[in-house]
């Protein structure tokens, strides 16, 4: 196994742990490709250039009790507290926890945009509309499979949410995940989709989940075809 592949695997393990709280059982939140409404390309607080891709999302209906003020910092704070409340409830079985967290989380991730950015400008045009829809579904399913069974990893970590930084149409929310073993710097990137703020990327210690996936997909597509990548995504993940 190459050093780059081993390094990617280590990065993905960290990403799995952090995104547990926001991506558990994120199933079915995808849509066919539509005309793009690209966000601007500001620099985030870490000095990284933002991608300039976008995709619209058909939003699911949300029960009244899940609605909240549409302010990014407050939104993230409320969602975190709701997820922790479910995770700490010893009277709820794991399947029910997954179901409840799915209801809390799914509307607030822009999975279509995440899918598009994970391929990048070089590879996205190679996909036909049906292939794009299939890729988005499989990519979302891959996230779901990676995170939904990791509820047991929660060990009373705390999330310190810092004030947002807004650059044009993009909002960055720096946070720290604090545990007895130390802390991780996490940066949530959000943009507005049909009047709702949605997360479209997460950085951990400066490492972007989208760029990590893009590296993996680029390796497959550089040596194979679109169908090869789709077949790989249909296979069970390594972990």
C-alpha atoms as a PDB file:
ATOM      1  CA  UNK A   1       0.000   0.000   0.000  1.00  0.00           C
ATOM      2  CA  UNK A   2       1.405   3.419  -0.972  1.00  0.00           C
ATOM      3  CA  UNK A   3       2.163   6.154   1.555  1.00  0.00           C
ATOM      4  CA  UNK A   4      -0.464   8.440  -0.046  1.00  0.00           C
ATOM      5  CA  UNK A   5      -3.148   5.767   0.296  1.00  0.00           C
ATOM      6  CA  UNK A   6      -2.239   5.057   3.938  1.00  0.00           C
ATOM      7  CA  UNK A   7      -2.275   8.773   4.673  1.00  0.00           C
ATOM      8  CA  UNK A   8      -5.705   9.145   3.059  1.00  0.00           C
ATOM      9  CA  UNK A   9      -7.019   6.293   5.194  1.00  0.00           C
ATOM     10  CA  UNK A  10      -5.733   7.951   8.381  1.00  0.00           C
ATOM     11  CA  UNK A  11      -7.345  11.226   7.369  1.00  0.00           C
ATOM     12  CA  UNK A  12     -10.645   9.510   6.613  1.00  0.00           C
ATOM     13  CA  UNK A  13     -10.697   7.861  10.046  1.00  0.00           C
ATOM     14  CA  UNK A  14     -10.456  11.308  11.642  1.00  0.00           C
ATOM     15  CA  UNK A  15     -13.157  12.624   9.351  1.00  0.00           C
ATOM     16  CA  UNK A  16     -15.423   9.692  10.221  1.00  0.00           C
ATOM     17  CA  UNK A  17     -15.070  10.424  13.925  1.00  0.00           C
ATOM     18  CA  UNK A  18     -15.812  14.140  13.663  1.00  0.00           C
ATOM     19  CA  UNK A  19     -18.605  13.884  11.116  1.00  0.00           C
ATOM     20  CA  UNK A  20     -20.323  11.208  13.170  1.00  0.00           C
ATOM     21  CA  UNK A  21     -22.328  13.884  14.912  1.00  0.00           C
ATOM     22  CA  UNK A  22     -23.567  15.485  11.706  1.00  0.00           C
ATOM     23  CA  UNK A  23     -23.710  12.763   9.051  1.00  0.00           C
ATOM     24  CA  UNK A  24     -25.183   9.679  10.708  1.00  0.00           C
ATOM     25  CA  UNK A  25     -27.631   7.907   8.419  1.00  0.00           C
ATOM     26  CA  UNK A  26     -27.734  10.727   5.867  1.00  0.00           C
ATOM     27  CA  UNK A  27     -29.853   8.752   3.426  1.00  0.00           C
ATOM     28  CA  UNK A  28     -31.807   9.833   0.405  1.00  0.00           C
ATOM     29  CA  UNK A  29     -30.839  13.518   0.387  1.00  0.00           C
ATOM     30  CA  UNK A  30     -29.921  13.832  -3.269  1.00  0.00           C
ATOM     31  CA  UNK A  31     -31.369  15.206  -6.503  1.00  0.00           C
ATOM     32  CA  UNK A  32     -30.667  15.129 -10.226  1.00  0.00           C
ATOM     33  CA  UNK A  33     -28.248  17.673 -11.628  1.00  0.00           C
ATOM     34  CA  UNK A  34     -29.723  21.127 -12.370  1.00  0.00           C
ATOM     35  CA  UNK A  35     -28.420  24.451 -13.594  1.00  0.00           C
ATOM     36  CA  UNK A  36     -25.623  25.565 -11.214  1.00  0.00           C
ATOM     37  CA  UNK A  37     -25.840  28.545  -8.919  1.00  0.00           C
ATOM     38  CA  UNK A  38     -22.158  28.758  -8.161  1.00  0.00           C
ATOM     39  CA  UNK A  39     -20.924  30.345  -4.918  1.00  0.00           C
ATOM     40  CA  UNK A  40     -18.052  32.807  -5.016  1.00  0.00           C
ATOM     41  CA  UNK A  41     -14.482  31.696  -4.412  1.00  0.00           C
ATOM     42  CA  UNK A  42     -13.303  33.484  -1.265  1.00  0.00           C
ATOM     43  CA  UNK A  43     -10.387  32.449   0.881  1.00  0.00           C
ATOM     44  CA  UNK A  44     -11.344  30.848   4.159  1.00  0.00           C
ATOM     45  CA  UNK A  45      -9.703  31.739   7.465  1.00  0.00           C
ATOM     46  CA  UNK A  46      -6.994  29.120   6.784  1.00  0.00           C
ATOM     47  CA  UNK A  47      -6.131  30.756   3.459  1.00  0.00           C
ATOM     48  CA  UNK A  48      -7.541  27.970   1.258  1.00  0.00           C
ATOM     49  CA  UNK A  49      -9.298  28.785  -1.977  1.00  0.00           C
ATOM     50  CA  UNK A  50     -12.948  27.784  -2.165  1.00  0.00           C
ATOM     51  CA  UNK A  51     -14.252  25.656  -5.059  1.00  0.00           C
ATOM     52  CA  UNK A  52     -16.664  27.370  -7.411  1.00  0.00           C
ATOM     53  CA  UNK A  53     -19.263  24.674  -8.014  1.00  0.00           C
ATOM     54  CA  UNK A  54     -22.887  24.340  -6.974  1.00  0.00           C
ATOM     55  CA  UNK A  55     -26.042  22.327  -7.389  1.00  0.00           C
ATOM     56  CA  UNK A  56     -29.605  22.862  -6.270  1.00  0.00           C
ATOM     57  CA  UNK A  57     -31.342  20.652  -3.756  1.00  0.00           C
ATOM     58  CA  UNK A  58     -34.998  19.782  -3.426  1.00  0.00           C
ATOM     59  CA  UNK A  59     -35.582  20.336   0.248  1.00  0.00           C
ATOM     60  CA  UNK A  60     -37.520  17.860   2.385  1.00  0.00           C
ATOM     61  CA  UNK A  61     -40.410  19.070   4.507  1.00  0.00           C
ATOM     62  CA  UNK A  62     -39.433  19.714   8.093  1.00  0.00           C
ATOM     63  CA  UNK A  63     -41.647  19.292  11.153  1.00  0.00           C
ATOM     64  CA  UNK A  64     -42.348  22.485  13.084  1.00  0.00           C
ATOM     65  CA  UNK A  65     -40.491  21.244  16.157  1.00  0.00           C
ATOM     66  CA  UNK A  66     -37.262  21.006  14.161  1.00  0.00           C
ATOM     67  CA  UNK A  67     -37.357  24.556  12.835  1.00  0.00           C
ATOM     68  CA  UNK A  68     -34.958  27.123  14.238  1.00  0.00           C
ATOM     69  CA  UNK A  69     -33.620  30.635  13.603  1.00  0.00           C
ATOM     70  CA  UNK A  70     -31.786  30.770  10.290  1.00  0.00           C
ATOM     71  CA  UNK A  71     -28.460  32.042  11.638  1.00  0.00           C
ATOM     72  CA  UNK A  72     -25.410  29.821  10.979  1.00  0.00           C
ATOM     73  CA  UNK A  73     -23.826  29.854  14.455  1.00  0.00           C
ATOM     74  CA  UNK A  74     -27.116  29.359  16.237  1.00  0.00           C
ATOM     75  CA  UNK A  75     -28.125  26.678  13.759  1.00  0.00           C
ATOM     76  CA  UNK A  76     -24.960  24.662  14.378  1.00  0.00           C
ATOM     77  CA  UNK A  77     -25.294  25.095  18.148  1.00  0.00           C
ATOM     78  CA  UNK A  78     -28.914  23.905  18.184  1.00  0.00           C
ATOM     79  CA  UNK A  79     -28.191  20.930  15.933  1.00  0.00           C
ATOM     80  CA  UNK A  80     -25.226  19.866  18.068  1.00  0.00           C
ATOM     81  CA  UNK A  81     -27.301  20.016  21.268  1.00  0.00           C
ATOM     82  CA  UNK A  82     -30.119  18.046  19.653  1.00  0.00           C
ATOM     83  CA  UNK A  83     -27.733  15.319  18.458  1.00  0.00           C
ATOM     84  CA  UNK A  84     -25.978  15.065  21.840  1.00  0.00           C
ATOM     85  CA  UNK A  85     -29.341  14.782  23.561  1.00  0.00           C
ATOM     86  CA  UNK A  86     -30.152  11.760  21.411  1.00  0.00           C
ATOM     87  CA  UNK A  87     -26.701  10.184  21.835  1.00  0.00           C
ATOM     88  CA  UNK A  88     -26.848  10.484  25.637  1.00  0.00           C
ATOM     89  CA  UNK A  89     -30.331   8.991  25.916  1.00  0.00           C
ATOM     90  CA  UNK A  90     -29.767   5.464  27.227  1.00  0.00           C
ATOM     91  CA  UNK A  91     -33.430   4.581  26.778  1.00  0.00           C
ATOM     92  CA  UNK A  92     -33.213   4.794  22.971  1.00  0.00           C
ATOM     93  CA  UNK A  93     -31.978   1.840  20.919  1.00  0.00           C
ATOM     94  CA  UNK A  94     -29.299   2.418  18.298  1.00  0.00           C
ATOM     95  CA  UNK A  95     -31.641   2.113  15.298  1.00  0.00           C
ATOM     96  CA  UNK A  96     -33.961   4.697  16.792  1.00  0.00           C
ATOM     97  CA  UNK A  97     -31.019   6.987  17.533  1.00  0.00           C
ATOM     98  CA  UNK A  98     -29.948   6.734  13.888  1.00  0.00           C
ATOM     99  CA  UNK A  99     -33.480   7.552  12.767  1.00  0.00           C
ATOM    100  CA  UNK A 100     -33.776  10.593  15.032  1.00  0.00           C
ATOM    101  CA  UNK A 101     -30.349  11.960  14.152  1.00  0.00           C
ATOM    102  CA  UNK A 102     -31.086  11.457  10.477  1.00  0.00           C
ATOM    103  CA  UNK A 103     -34.175  13.640  10.863  1.00  0.00           C
ATOM    104  CA  UNK A 104     -32.135  16.318  12.636  1.00  0.00           C
ATOM    105  CA  UNK A 105     -29.193  16.339  10.236  1.00  0.00           C
ATOM    106  CA  UNK A 106     -30.198  15.468   6.681  1.00  0.00           C
ATOM    107  CA  UNK A 107     -31.833  18.793   5.699  1.00  0.00           C
ATOM    108  CA  UNK A 108     -28.683  20.720   6.614  1.00  0.00           C
ATOM    109  CA  UNK A 109     -26.099  19.121   4.348  1.00  0.00           C
ATOM    110  CA  UNK A 110     -25.871  20.022   0.663  1.00  0.00           C
ATOM    111  CA  UNK A 111     -25.156  16.512  -0.584  1.00  0.00           C
ATOM    112  CA  UNK A 112     -25.596  17.348  -4.288  1.00  0.00           C
ATOM    113  CA  UNK A 113     -22.959  20.082  -4.058  1.00  0.00           C
ATOM    114  CA  UNK A 114     -20.679  17.857  -1.972  1.00  0.00           C
ATOM    115  CA  UNK A 115     -20.958  15.173  -4.639  1.00  0.00           C
ATOM    116  CA  UNK A 116     -20.145  17.593  -7.438  1.00  0.00           C
ATOM    117  CA  UNK A 117     -17.177  19.111  -5.614  1.00  0.00           C
ATOM    118  CA  UNK A 118     -15.796  15.676  -4.733  1.00  0.00           C
ATOM    119  CA  UNK A 119     -15.361  15.054  -8.466  1.00  0.00           C
ATOM    120  CA  UNK A 120     -14.121  18.528  -9.363  1.00  0.00           C
ATOM    121  CA  UNK A 121     -14.276  20.450 -12.606  1.00  0.00           C
ATOM    122  CA  UNK A 122     -12.102  17.967 -14.451  1.00  0.00           C
ATOM    123  CA  UNK A 123     -14.272  14.899 -13.900  1.00  0.00           C
ATOM    124  CA  UNK A 124     -17.834  16.180 -13.340  1.00  0.00           C
ATOM    125  CA  UNK A 125     -18.375  17.014 -17.069  1.00  0.00           C
ATOM    126  CA  UNK A 126     -17.482  13.399 -17.968  1.00  0.00           C
ATOM    127  CA  UNK A 127     -20.665  12.176 -16.275  1.00  0.00           C
ATOM    128  CA  UNK A 128     -23.995  12.087 -18.085  1.00  0.00           C
ATOM    129  CA  UNK A 129     -27.038  13.392 -16.147  1.00  0.00           C
ATOM    130  CA  UNK A 130     -28.122   9.830 -15.184  1.00  0.00           C
ATOM    131  CA  UNK A 131     -24.556   9.039 -14.104  1.00  0.00           C
ATOM    132  CA  UNK A 132     -24.429  12.224 -12.025  1.00  0.00           C
ATOM    133  CA  UNK A 133     -27.649  11.294 -10.278  1.00  0.00           C
ATOM    134  CA  UNK A 134     -26.374   7.773  -9.623  1.00  0.00           C
ATOM    135  CA  UNK A 135     -23.027   9.050  -8.373  1.00  0.00           C
ATOM    136  CA  UNK A 136     -24.740  11.510  -6.002  1.00  0.00           C
ATOM    137  CA  UNK A 137     -26.921   8.734  -4.618  1.00  0.00           C
ATOM    138  CA  UNK A 138     -23.997   6.340  -4.184  1.00  0.00           C
ATOM    139  CA  UNK A 139     -21.745   8.993  -2.679  1.00  0.00           C
ATOM    140  CA  UNK A 140     -24.427   9.951  -0.155  1.00  0.00           C
ATOM    141  CA  UNK A 141     -24.950   6.277   0.650  1.00  0.00           C
ATOM    142  CA  UNK A 142     -21.210   5.864   1.137  1.00  0.00           C
ATOM    143  CA  UNK A 143     -21.228   8.685   3.688  1.00  0.00           C
ATOM    144  CA  UNK A 144     -24.217   7.104   5.413  1.00  0.00           C
ATOM    145  CA  UNK A 145     -22.562   3.696   5.619  1.00  0.00           C
ATOM    146  CA  UNK A 146     -19.321   5.184   6.937  1.00  0.00           C
ATOM    147  CA  UNK A 147     -20.893   7.166   9.759  1.00  0.00           C
ATOM    148  CA  UNK A 148     -24.163   5.677  10.932  1.00  0.00           C
ATOM    149  CA  UNK A 149     -22.591   2.737  12.767  1.00  0.00           C
ATOM    150  CA  UNK A 150     -20.159   4.902  14.744  1.00  0.00           C
ATOM    151  CA  UNK A 151     -22.512   6.048  17.492  1.00  0.00           C
ATOM    152  CA  UNK A 152     -20.487   4.055  20.021  1.00  0.00           C
ATOM    153  CA  UNK A 153     -17.485   6.354  19.395  1.00  0.00           C
ATOM    154  CA  UNK A 154     -19.128   9.185  21.310  1.00  0.00           C
ATOM    155  CA  UNK A 155     -17.324   9.691  24.647  1.00  0.00           C
ATOM    156  CA  UNK A 156     -18.754  12.960  26.004  1.00  0.00           C
ATOM    157  CA  UNK A 157     -16.813  15.196  23.611  1.00  0.00           C
ATOM    158  CA  UNK A 158     -17.731  18.879  23.635  1.00  0.00           C
ATOM    159  CA  UNK A 159     -17.925  21.251  20.684  1.00  0.00           C
ATOM    160  CA  UNK A 160     -16.737  24.838  21.123  1.00  0.00           C
ATOM    161  CA  UNK A 161     -18.375  26.928  18.397  1.00  0.00           C
ATOM    162  CA  UNK A 162     -16.579  30.180  17.567  1.00  0.00           C
ATOM    163  CA  UNK A 163     -18.062  33.239  15.811  1.00  0.00           C
ATOM    164  CA  UNK A 164     -18.652  32.830  12.097  1.00  0.00           C
ATOM    165  CA  UNK A 165     -16.571  34.483   9.393  1.00  0.00           C
ATOM    166  CA  UNK A 166     -18.526  35.461   6.279  1.00  0.00           C
ATOM    167  CA  UNK A 167     -16.858  35.984   2.904  1.00  0.00           C
ATOM    168  CA  UNK A 168     -19.367  36.970   0.237  1.00  0.00           C
ATOM    169  CA  UNK A 169     -21.864  34.084   0.025  1.00  0.00           C
ATOM    170  CA  UNK A 170     -19.838  31.630   2.083  1.00  0.00           C
ATOM    171  CA  UNK A 171     -19.846  31.335   5.873  1.00  0.00           C
ATOM    172  CA  UNK A 172     -17.034  29.661   7.803  1.00  0.00           C
ATOM    173  CA  UNK A 173     -17.613  28.504  11.371  1.00  0.00           C
ATOM    174  CA  UNK A 174     -14.423  27.564  13.269  1.00  0.00           C
ATOM    175  CA  UNK A 175     -14.989  25.035  16.046  1.00  0.00           C
ATOM    176  CA  UNK A 176     -12.995  22.872  18.433  1.00  0.00           C
ATOM    177  CA  UNK A 177     -13.942  19.302  19.332  1.00  0.00           C
ATOM    178  CA  UNK A 178     -12.680  18.869  22.881  1.00  0.00           C
ATOM    179  CA  UNK A 179     -12.078  15.504  24.562  1.00  0.00           C
ATOM    180  CA  UNK A 180      -9.908  14.136  27.348  1.00  0.00           C
ATOM    181  CA  UNK A 181      -7.299  13.286  24.688  1.00  0.00           C
ATOM    182  CA  UNK A 182      -7.021  16.837  23.395  1.00  0.00           C
ATOM    183  CA  UNK A 183      -8.821  18.898  20.773  1.00  0.00           C
ATOM    184  CA  UNK A 184      -9.386  18.979  17.029  1.00  0.00           C
ATOM    185  CA  UNK A 185      -9.790  22.178  15.009  1.00  0.00           C
ATOM    186  CA  UNK A 186     -12.795  21.838  12.723  1.00  0.00           C
ATOM    187  CA  UNK A 187     -14.008  24.326  10.133  1.00  0.00           C
ATOM    188  CA  UNK A 188     -17.570  24.083   8.810  1.00  0.00           C
ATOM    189  CA  UNK A 189     -18.242  25.698   5.443  1.00  0.00           C
ATOM    190  CA  UNK A 190     -21.811  26.771   4.722  1.00  0.00           C
ATOM    191  CA  UNK A 191     -23.771  28.454   1.969  1.00  0.00           C
ATOM    192  CA  UNK A 192     -27.403  29.404   1.563  1.00  0.00           C
ATOM    193  CA  UNK A 193     -29.689  27.219  -0.530  1.00  0.00           C
ATOM    194  CA  UNK A 194     -33.262  28.428  -0.929  1.00  0.00           C
ATOM    195  CA  UNK A 195     -33.096  30.517   2.282  1.00  0.00           C
ATOM    196  CA  UNK A 196     -31.551  27.725   4.343  1.00  0.00           C
ATOM    197  CA  UNK A 197     -27.933  27.492   5.427  1.00  0.00           C
ATOM    198  CA  UNK A 198     -26.344  24.186   4.460  1.00  0.00           C
ATOM    199  CA  UNK A 199     -22.961  22.623   5.191  1.00  0.00           C
ATOM    200  CA  UNK A 200     -21.067  21.664   2.031  1.00  0.00           C
ATOM    201  CA  UNK A 201     -17.586  20.894   3.371  1.00  0.00           C
ATOM    202  CA  UNK A 202     -15.764  20.271   6.634  1.00  0.00           C
ATOM    203  CA  UNK A 203     -12.061  20.717   7.341  1.00  0.00           C
ATOM    204  CA  UNK A 204     -10.283  18.927  10.185  1.00  0.00           C
ATOM    205  CA  UNK A 205      -6.885  20.296  11.122  1.00  0.00           C
ATOM    206  CA  UNK A 206      -6.877  22.011   7.706  1.00  0.00           C
ATOM    207  CA  UNK A 207      -7.779  18.854   5.760  1.00  0.00           C
ATOM    208  CA  UNK A 208     -10.937  19.070   3.615  1.00  0.00           C
ATOM    209  CA  UNK A 209     -13.218  16.049   3.403  1.00  0.00           C
ATOM    210  CA  UNK A 210     -14.072  16.991  -0.189  1.00  0.00           C
ATOM    211  CA  UNK A 211     -10.449  17.240  -1.276  1.00  0.00           C
ATOM    212  CA  UNK A 212      -9.731  13.911   0.399  1.00  0.00           C
ATOM    213  CA  UNK A 213     -12.509  12.216  -1.534  1.00  0.00           C
ATOM    214  CA  UNK A 214     -11.490  14.067  -4.705  1.00  0.00           C
ATOM    215  CA  UNK A 215      -7.991  12.629  -4.432  1.00  0.00           C
ATOM    216  CA  UNK A 216      -9.404   9.119  -4.165  1.00  0.00           C
ATOM    217  CA  UNK A 217     -11.841   9.585  -7.060  1.00  0.00           C
ATOM    218  CA  UNK A 218      -9.202  11.258  -9.234  1.00  0.00           C
ATOM    219  CA  UNK A 219      -6.949   8.236  -8.791  1.00  0.00           C
ATOM    220  CA  UNK A 220      -9.725   5.893  -9.935  1.00  0.00           C
ATOM    221  CA  UNK A 221     -10.825   8.046 -12.891  1.00  0.00           C
ATOM    222  CA  UNK A 222      -7.246   8.692 -14.031  1.00  0.00           C
ATOM    223  CA  UNK A 223      -6.752   4.967 -14.527  1.00  0.00           C
ATOM    224  CA  UNK A 224     -10.315   3.920 -15.351  1.00  0.00           C
ATOM    225  CA  UNK A 225     -13.761   5.052 -16.458  1.00  0.00           C
ATOM    226  CA  UNK A 226     -16.850   6.594 -14.919  1.00  0.00           C
ATOM    227  CA  UNK A 227     -18.388   3.120 -14.752  1.00  0.00           C
ATOM    228  CA  UNK A 228     -15.330   1.903 -12.839  1.00  0.00           C
ATOM    229  CA  UNK A 229     -15.894   4.557 -10.177  1.00  0.00           C
ATOM    230  CA  UNK A 230     -19.608   3.829  -9.948  1.00  0.00           C
ATOM    231  CA  UNK A 231     -18.882   0.126  -9.538  1.00  0.00           C
ATOM    232  CA  UNK A 232     -16.370   0.902  -6.782  1.00  0.00           C
ATOM    233  CA  UNK A 233     -18.943   2.984  -4.933  1.00  0.00           C
ATOM    234  CA  UNK A 234     -21.430   0.143  -5.155  1.00  0.00           C
ATOM    235  CA  UNK A 235     -18.981  -2.109  -3.285  1.00  0.00           C
ATOM    236  CA  UNK A 236     -19.029  -2.206   0.534  1.00  0.00           C
ATOM    237  CA  UNK A 237     -16.575   0.320   2.031  1.00  0.00           C
ATOM    238  CA  UNK A 238     -13.346  -0.935   3.615  1.00  0.00           C
ATOM    239  CA  UNK A 239     -14.414   0.354   7.020  1.00  0.00           C
END
